[in-house]
Amino acid sequence: MTNSANCAAHKARWTTLAVAGAAVAALAAGAVPASAQPVRPPGTAGAADQRVGTGKLAALMAPGDRASGTMVRVGGTGIRWTAATGPLSQDPAANFRIGSITKLFTSTVVLQLVGEGRFGLDTPVQDLLPGTLPARWGPITVGQLLSHTSGLGLPCVEFAEGGAPTPEQVVSHWTDPACAAPQYPVLAQQYNGVNYFLLGMVIERTAGRSYAEEVQRRIARPLGLSHTYCPGPGDRSVPGPVLADAREIEPWAWAEGGMISNAPDLERFLTSLMRGHLLRPAQQRQLFSMPPLPEGARDRFSMGGLMRVEVDGTVLWGKTGSMGASTSGVFATGGGRRTVVYSLLPAVRERELMRTHIEQLLAASL
């Protein structure tokens, strides 16, 4: 990627991430290949509550004017179904950049550190990263970063043309002397990737190891997530098989959006998280606790960084993410009884239209 392209990518990413609730992508009508039929463990066939709405998914997944290709993986108690359309790889283990889904790994490591007593949700980040935020700013807590209630908005300094900014350089676009201090009290969540750059820095400072090492040590290796990792600076490739977008991209988004994974790994990770296998009981409760804000936000983030979405009366928890040409998401119902992983190549970017189609996709997968 050229310097000017990198600069444009930085600007575009922060413009998108500053909008509450990451942009979700569109699906279009069509048909799922006949070979992509539900696969059920012995003894579950015919149970109405175990079936996936393949007809509705078929209508949403075919290439068209909303998406040129879509992958969906549905799992949970007694169910397994996966399919891909358009130019996407038919390999169910194909890898892709997960974008802001990375934040779920970051928040999980942070909550593990909270459970170990290394710091609390009410600990000011100024205590953990001395000198990183301007002295004139009021305290911003770990919990506020996790739940996007830090008060931080758009960067006030333009990203310079060049390669990959370090986490410290990214944060400096909000902490420059020209930047206004966050306004308090915070009355609404403002989704912002810089919150998770700061959390990544907190992880490294507290643990004494790199962010990538902590994700491997605490999550990926214990769960056997062999396709999940955070690439280092200069590692611009996605290992094969690649789901869709094989372009080289500098992974500067790091703890905010730089990881690579695949659908089976994301399903296993979110299932383990939802079932309490990664956090202590107190932090598991924090994972689903909502910050004390006025009602009305259509999708809100918990104190543990989970996105809460209600589809046809069913509450789902998870995260969306975009990187390169792809838009993806992973969601689960309570206890991980039903999970959905999707990734697609959107053909249109109008936010409300995208949201509607993703909600339809999720509804058909329940």
Protein backbone atom coordinates (compact mmCIF):
# COMPACT_ATOMS: atom_id res chain seq x y z
CA MET A 1 0.00 0.00 0.00
CA THR A 2 1.39 3.42 -0.92
CA ASN A 3 1.97 6.23 1.58
CA SER A 4 -0.98 8.22 0.26
CA ALA A 5 -3.16 5.12 0.39
CA ASN A 6 -2.09 4.49 3.97
CA CYS A 7 -2.96 8.06 4.92
CA ALA A 8 -6.37 7.76 3.28
CA ALA A 9 -6.94 4.43 5.05
CA HIS A 10 -6.11 6.01 8.43
CA LYS A 11 -8.57 8.87 7.87
CA ALA A 12 -11.31 6.59 6.60
CA ARG A 13 -10.94 4.19 9.50
CA TRP A 14 -11.18 6.88 12.18
CA THR A 15 -14.12 8.56 10.49
CA THR A 16 -15.92 5.22 10.54
CA LEU A 17 -14.89 4.20 14.05
CA ALA A 18 -16.02 7.46 15.61
CA VAL A 19 -19.63 6.67 14.67
CA ALA A 20 -21.43 4.83 17.47
CA GLY A 21 -21.95 1.19 16.49
CA ALA A 22 -19.53 0.08 13.77
CA ALA A 23 -20.93 0.03 10.25
CA VAL A 24 -22.54 -3.29 9.39
CA ALA A 25 -22.86 -4.63 5.90
CA ALA A 26 -25.53 -5.60 3.44
CA LEU A 27 -26.78 -8.97 2.16
CA ALA A 28 -28.90 -9.56 -0.91
CA ALA A 29 -31.47 -12.02 -2.18
CA GLY A 30 -30.42 -15.21 -3.91
CA ALA A 31 -29.70 -18.87 -3.27
CA VAL A 32 -27.30 -20.91 -1.17
CA PRO A 33 -25.56 -23.77 -3.03
CA ALA A 34 -27.41 -27.07 -2.70
CA SER A 35 -24.30 -28.64 -1.19
CA ALA A 36 -24.44 -26.21 1.73
CA GLN A 37 -27.00 -28.05 3.84
CA PRO A 38 -27.22 -28.14 7.63
CA VAL A 39 -25.06 -30.78 9.30
CA ARG A 40 -26.48 -32.01 12.61
CA PRO A 41 -24.94 -34.35 15.20
CA PRO A 42 -26.66 -37.76 15.52
CA GLY A 43 -29.96 -37.61 17.35
CA THR A 44 -30.80 -33.96 16.66
CA ALA A 45 -32.37 -34.20 13.22
CA GLY A 46 -35.95 -33.01 13.05
CA ALA A 47 -35.91 -31.03 16.29
CA ALA A 48 -37.62 -27.75 15.41
CA ASP A 49 -35.50 -25.67 17.77
CA GLN A 50 -32.30 -27.03 16.21
CA ARG A 51 -33.02 -26.00 12.63
CA VAL A 52 -31.54 -23.07 10.76
CA GLY A 53 -33.76 -21.00 8.48
CA THR A 54 -31.87 -21.98 5.33
CA GLY A 55 -34.53 -20.58 3.03
CA LYS A 56 -34.23 -17.10 4.50
CA LEU A 57 -30.45 -17.34 4.59
CA ALA A 58 -30.49 -18.42 0.94
CA ALA A 59 -32.44 -15.29 0.09
CA LEU A 60 -29.93 -13.10 1.90
CA MET A 61 -26.65 -14.67 0.88
CA ALA A 62 -26.59 -14.78 -2.90
CA PRO A 63 -24.42 -12.23 -4.73
CA GLY A 64 -26.32 -9.12 -5.73
CA ASP A 65 -26.49 -5.38 -5.38
CA ARG A 66 -25.95 -5.50 -1.59
CA ALA A 67 -23.04 -7.93 -1.31
CA SER A 68 -20.94 -9.71 -3.90
CA GLY A 69 -20.29 -12.66 -1.61
CA THR A 70 -21.20 -13.84 1.89
CA MET A 71 -20.00 -16.45 4.39
CA VAL A 72 -22.21 -17.53 7.30
CA ARG A 73 -21.42 -20.07 10.01
CA VAL A 74 -24.17 -21.00 12.47
CA GLY A 75 -23.35 -23.05 15.55
CA GLY A 76 -24.44 -23.70 19.09
CA THR A 77 -26.18 -26.46 20.97
CA GLY A 78 -26.84 -29.31 18.54
CA ILE A 79 -26.41 -27.34 15.32
CA ARG A 80 -23.73 -26.72 12.73
CA TRP A 81 -24.29 -25.01 9.38
CA THR A 82 -21.90 -23.15 7.11
CA ALA A 83 -21.96 -21.83 3.57
CA ALA A 84 -20.21 -19.27 1.37
CA THR A 85 -21.35 -17.58 -1.85
CA GLY A 86 -19.84 -15.47 -4.59
CA PRO A 87 -16.03 -15.22 -4.78
CA LEU A 88 -15.53 -16.24 -1.14
CA SER A 89 -13.56 -19.39 -0.40
CA GLN A 90 -15.60 -22.55 0.16
CA ASP A 91 -13.06 -23.70 2.75
CA PRO A 92 -14.83 -23.45 6.14
CA ALA A 93 -11.47 -22.72 7.80
CA ALA A 94 -10.53 -19.83 5.48
CA ASN A 95 -8.79 -16.92 7.20
CA PHE A 96 -9.73 -13.23 7.16
CA ARG A 97 -8.92 -9.94 8.85
CA ILE A 98 -11.47 -9.50 11.62
CA GLY A 99 -11.15 -5.72 12.07
CA SER A 100 -12.88 -4.43 15.18
CA ILE A 101 -13.83 -7.92 16.37
CA THR A 102 -10.27 -7.68 17.71
CA LYS A 103 -11.72 -5.50 20.47
CA LEU A 104 -13.38 -8.56 22.05
CA PHE A 105 -9.98 -10.18 22.53
CA THR A 106 -8.64 -6.94 23.98
CA SER A 107 -11.55 -6.53 26.40
CA THR A 108 -11.27 -10.17 27.50
CA VAL A 109 -7.59 -9.78 28.38
CA VAL A 110 -8.37 -6.53 30.23
CA LEU A 111 -11.12 -8.21 32.27
CA GLN A 112 -8.78 -11.10 33.07
CA LEU A 113 -6.26 -8.60 34.44
CA VAL A 114 -9.06 -6.98 36.47
CA GLY A 115 -9.91 -10.40 37.88
CA GLU A 116 -6.28 -10.89 38.89
CA GLY A 117 -6.37 -7.66 40.86
CA ARG A 118 -3.90 -5.84 38.62
CA PHE A 119 -6.27 -2.86 38.36
CA GLY A 120 -10.01 -2.17 38.48
CA LEU A 121 -12.62 -0.90 36.08
CA ASP A 122 -12.56 2.35 38.04
CA THR A 123 -8.77 2.73 37.82
CA PRO A 124 -7.83 5.89 35.88
CA VAL A 125 -5.78 5.11 32.79
CA GLN A 126 -3.55 8.02 33.87
CA ASP A 127 -2.38 5.81 36.77
CA LEU A 128 -1.55 2.94 34.44
CA LEU A 129 -0.01 4.97 31.58
CA PRO A 130 1.60 7.99 33.28
CA GLY A 131 2.22 10.88 30.93
CA THR A 132 0.17 9.43 28.06
CA LEU A 133 -2.86 11.71 28.47
CA PRO A 134 -2.60 15.49 29.01
CA ALA A 135 -2.32 16.54 32.66
CA ARG A 136 -5.21 18.99 32.19
CA TRP A 137 -7.64 16.16 31.38
CA GLY A 138 -9.87 14.66 34.04
CA PRO A 139 -9.58 10.96 34.91
CA ILE A 140 -10.58 8.43 32.25
CA THR A 141 -11.14 4.97 33.71
CA VAL A 142 -10.52 1.51 32.31
CA GLY A 143 -14.27 0.88 32.41
CA GLN A 144 -14.95 4.00 30.38
CA LEU A 145 -12.51 2.88 27.71
CA LEU A 146 -14.10 -0.58 27.55
CA SER A 147 -17.63 0.78 27.22
CA HIS A 148 -16.85 3.71 24.90
CA THR A 149 -17.85 6.27 27.52
CA SER A 150 -14.44 7.97 27.72
CA GLY A 151 -15.69 11.13 26.05
CA LEU A 152 -13.02 10.87 23.35
CA GLY A 153 -14.26 11.87 19.90
CA LEU A 154 -12.61 12.36 16.53
CA PRO A 155 -8.86 12.98 16.33
CA CYS A 156 -7.95 16.65 16.18
CA VAL A 157 -4.65 16.11 14.32
CA GLU A 158 -4.46 14.80 10.76
CA PHE A 159 -2.69 11.50 10.18
CA ALA A 160 0.55 12.12 8.31
CA GLU A 161 1.35 10.26 5.14
CA GLY A 162 3.56 7.27 5.85
CA GLY A 163 3.58 3.63 6.76
CA ALA A 164 2.28 2.26 10.04
CA PRO A 165 1.88 4.49 13.09
CA THR A 166 2.79 2.98 16.47
CA PRO A 167 0.09 2.82 19.16
CA GLU A 168 1.66 5.83 20.87
CA GLN A 169 1.61 7.78 17.61
CA VAL A 170 -2.05 6.89 17.04
CA VAL A 171 -3.02 8.08 20.53
CA SER A 172 -1.11 11.33 20.00
CA HIS A 173 -3.74 12.38 17.44
CA TRP A 174 -6.14 12.80 20.37
CA THR A 175 -3.70 14.11 22.98
CA ASP A 176 -1.95 16.85 21.03
CA PRO A 177 -1.99 20.24 22.84
CA ALA A 178 -4.37 21.46 20.15
CA CYS A 179 -6.97 18.86 21.16
CA ALA A 180 -9.86 19.77 23.43
CA ALA A 181 -10.30 17.80 26.62
CA PRO A 182 -13.14 15.24 26.70
CA GLN A 183 -16.40 16.73 27.93
CA TYR A 184 -18.05 15.37 31.07
CA PRO A 185 -20.44 14.10 32.13
CA VAL A 186 -20.66 11.60 29.25
CA LEU A 187 -24.31 11.22 28.29
CA ALA A 188 -23.94 8.80 25.38
CA GLN A 189 -21.59 6.16 24.12
CA GLN A 190 -19.29 7.25 21.33
CA TYR A 191 -17.72 4.27 19.61
CA ASN A 192 -14.04 5.06 19.17
CA GLY A 193 -11.06 2.85 18.35
CA VAL A 194 -8.60 4.99 20.32
CA ASN A 195 -10.16 3.61 23.51
CA TYR A 196 -8.80 0.20 22.57
CA PHE A 197 -5.38 1.47 21.56
CA LEU A 198 -5.12 2.78 25.11
CA LEU A 199 -6.32 -0.56 26.49
CA GLY A 200 -3.73 -2.40 24.42
CA MET A 201 -1.08 -0.14 25.92
CA VAL A 202 -2.48 -0.85 29.40
CA ILE A 203 -2.20 -4.59 28.74
CA GLU A 204 1.43 -4.33 27.68
CA ARG A 205 2.43 -2.03 30.54
CA THR A 206 0.68 -4.18 33.15
CA ALA A 207 1.60 -7.64 31.88
CA GLY A 208 5.13 -6.85 30.79
CA ARG A 209 4.59 -8.68 27.51
CA SER A 210 3.38 -7.67 24.07
CA TYR A 211 -0.32 -7.48 23.30
CA ALA A 212 0.08 -10.26 20.72
CA GLU A 213 1.79 -12.51 23.29
CA GLU A 214 -0.94 -11.92 25.88
CA VAL A 215 -3.69 -12.84 23.40
CA GLN A 216 -1.87 -16.05 22.55
CA ARG A 217 -1.03 -16.92 26.15
CA ARG A 218 -4.41 -16.16 27.66
CA ILE A 219 -6.90 -16.97 24.88
CA ALA A 220 -5.66 -18.48 21.62
CA ARG A 221 -3.47 -21.31 22.97
CA PRO A 222 -5.79 -22.38 25.82
CA LEU A 223 -8.75 -22.57 23.42
CA GLY A 224 -6.79 -24.09 20.53
CA LEU A 225 -7.41 -21.14 18.21
CA SER A 226 -4.71 -22.03 15.72
CA HIS A 227 -5.83 -19.48 13.11
CA THR A 228 -6.09 -16.52 15.49
CA TYR A 229 -3.28 -14.03 16.03
CA CYS A 230 -2.25 -10.39 15.93
CA PRO A 231 0.34 -9.89 13.17
CA GLY A 232 3.37 -7.75 13.89
CA PRO A 233 4.46 -4.60 12.07
CA GLY A 234 5.33 -5.34 8.47
CA ASP A 235 3.36 -8.60 8.33
CA ARG A 236 0.85 -7.51 5.69
CA SER A 237 -0.34 -10.89 4.42
CA VAL A 238 -3.19 -13.21 5.36
CA PRO A 239 -2.16 -16.90 5.47
CA GLY A 240 -4.00 -19.24 3.14
CA PRO A 241 -6.63 -20.30 2.64
CA VAL A 242 -7.92 -16.72 2.45
CA LEU A 243 -11.67 -16.15 2.67
CA ALA A 244 -11.88 -13.23 0.26
CA ASP A 245 -9.57 -10.23 0.54
CA ALA A 246 -5.93 -11.24 0.09
CA ARG A 247 -4.57 -7.72 -0.42
CA GLU A 248 -1.56 -6.73 1.66
CA ILE A 249 -2.54 -4.39 4.50
CA GLU A 250 -0.28 -3.07 7.24
CA PRO A 251 -1.73 -4.30 10.59
CA TRP A 252 -1.31 -0.95 12.34
CA ALA A 253 -4.81 -1.20 13.87
CA TRP A 254 -3.33 -3.61 16.47
CA ALA A 255 -5.44 -4.08 19.63
CA GLU A 256 -8.25 -2.05 18.08
CA GLY A 257 -8.64 -3.92 14.80
CA GLY A 258 -5.51 -5.69 13.57
CA MET A 259 -6.13 -9.39 14.20
CA ILE A 260 -6.62 -12.33 11.82
CA SER A 261 -8.84 -15.32 12.53
CA ASN A 262 -11.41 -17.60 10.91
CA ALA A 263 -15.04 -18.57 11.51
CA PRO A 264 -14.46 -21.75 13.58
CA ASP A 265 -12.02 -19.93 15.88
CA LEU A 266 -14.36 -16.97 16.37
CA GLU A 267 -17.24 -19.30 17.14
CA ARG A 268 -15.18 -21.19 19.73
CA PHE A 269 -13.89 -17.97 21.30
CA LEU A 270 -17.28 -16.31 21.70
CA THR A 271 -18.89 -19.55 22.93
CA SER A 272 -16.18 -19.89 25.59
CA LEU A 273 -16.57 -16.24 26.57
CA MET A 274 -20.35 -16.46 26.83
CA ARG A 275 -20.18 -19.64 28.94
CA GLY A 276 -17.79 -18.19 31.49
CA HIS A 277 -14.72 -20.22 30.54
CA LEU A 278 -12.40 -17.23 30.19
CA LEU A 279 -13.38 -14.90 33.04
CA ARG A 280 -13.90 -15.13 36.77
CA PRO A 281 -17.51 -14.80 37.99
CA ALA A 282 -17.27 -11.12 38.95
CA GLN A 283 -15.84 -10.16 35.56
CA GLN A 284 -18.36 -12.39 33.78
CA ARG A 285 -21.08 -10.28 35.36
CA GLN A 286 -19.26 -7.11 34.29
CA LEU A 287 -19.15 -8.47 30.74
CA PHE A 288 -22.94 -8.11 30.49
CA SER A 289 -23.44 -5.03 32.69
CA MET A 290 -24.51 -1.94 30.80
CA PRO A 291 -23.11 1.50 31.70
CA PRO A 292 -25.51 3.92 33.42
CA LEU A 293 -26.51 6.00 30.41
CA PRO A 294 -29.83 7.30 29.11
CA GLU A 295 -31.85 4.75 27.19
CA GLY A 296 -32.34 5.07 23.45
CA ALA A 297 -29.15 3.90 21.74
CA ARG A 298 -30.06 1.27 19.20
CA ASP A 299 -26.97 -0.80 19.86
CA ARG A 300 -24.99 -0.28 23.04
CA PHE A 301 -21.77 -1.60 24.48
CA SER A 302 -21.46 -3.31 27.84
CA MET A 303 -18.90 -2.55 30.53
CA GLY A 304 -16.98 -5.48 29.04
CA GLY A 305 -17.05 -4.12 25.48
CA LEU A 306 -19.71 -6.48 24.12
CA MET A 307 -22.19 -5.07 21.62
CA ARG A 308 -25.79 -5.76 22.65
CA VAL A 309 -28.24 -6.22 19.77
CA GLU A 310 -31.90 -7.22 19.93
CA VAL A 311 -33.26 -9.04 16.87
CA ASP A 312 -36.92 -10.06 16.76
CA GLY A 313 -37.05 -10.02 20.55
CA THR A 314 -33.87 -12.10 20.99
CA VAL A 315 -30.86 -10.47 22.65
CA LEU A 316 -27.52 -11.16 20.98
CA TRP A 317 -24.06 -10.27 22.22
CA GLY A 318 -20.94 -9.92 20.08
CA LYS A 319 -19.09 -7.54 17.81
CA THR A 320 -18.86 -6.33 14.22
CA GLY A 321 -15.68 -5.46 12.38
CA SER A 322 -14.45 -4.19 9.01
CA MET A 323 -11.03 -4.26 7.41
CA GLY A 324 -10.04 -3.97 3.77
CA ALA A 325 -12.92 -5.02 1.53
CA SER A 326 -14.66 -7.20 4.11
CA THR A 327 -17.23 -6.61 6.84
CA SER A 328 -17.69 -9.30 9.48
CA GLY A 329 -19.38 -10.08 12.76
CA VAL A 330 -19.73 -12.69 15.50
CA PHE A 331 -22.78 -12.91 17.77
CA ALA A 332 -24.29 -15.34 20.27
CA THR A 333 -27.41 -15.73 22.35
CA GLY A 334 -27.20 -16.18 26.11
CA GLY A 335 -24.87 -18.98 27.16
CA GLY A 336 -23.74 -19.43 23.57
CA ARG A 337 -26.76 -21.58 22.76
CA ARG A 338 -26.74 -20.19 19.21
CA THR A 339 -23.76 -18.53 17.52
CA VAL A 340 -23.46 -16.74 14.19
CA VAL A 341 -20.27 -15.73 12.38
CA TYR A 342 -20.51 -13.86 9.09
CA SER A 343 -18.16 -12.13 6.68
CA LEU A 344 -19.08 -10.52 3.40
CA LEU A 345 -18.01 -8.21 0.61
CA PRO A 346 -20.45 -5.28 0.76
CA ALA A 347 -21.60 -3.60 -2.41
CA VAL A 348 -23.25 -0.65 -0.65
CA ARG A 349 -22.27 1.36 2.43
CA GLU A 350 -25.43 3.21 3.53
CA ARG A 351 -25.41 2.60 7.28
CA GLU A 352 -29.07 2.07 8.13
CA LEU A 353 -29.62 -0.09 5.06
CA MET A 354 -26.64 -2.23 6.07
CA ARG A 355 -27.87 -2.54 9.63
CA THR A 356 -31.27 -3.72 8.48
CA HIS A 357 -29.80 -6.44 6.29
CA ILE A 358 -27.46 -7.66 9.00
CA GLU A 359 -30.37 -7.86 11.43
CA GLN A 360 -32.25 -9.93 8.83
CA LEU A 361 -29.25 -12.20 8.44
CA LEU A 362 -28.98 -12.69 12.19
CA ALA A 363 -32.72 -13.31 12.52
CA ALA A 364 -32.59 -16.01 9.85
CA SER A 365 -29.71 -17.68 11.69
CA LEU A 366 -31.53 -18.01 15.03
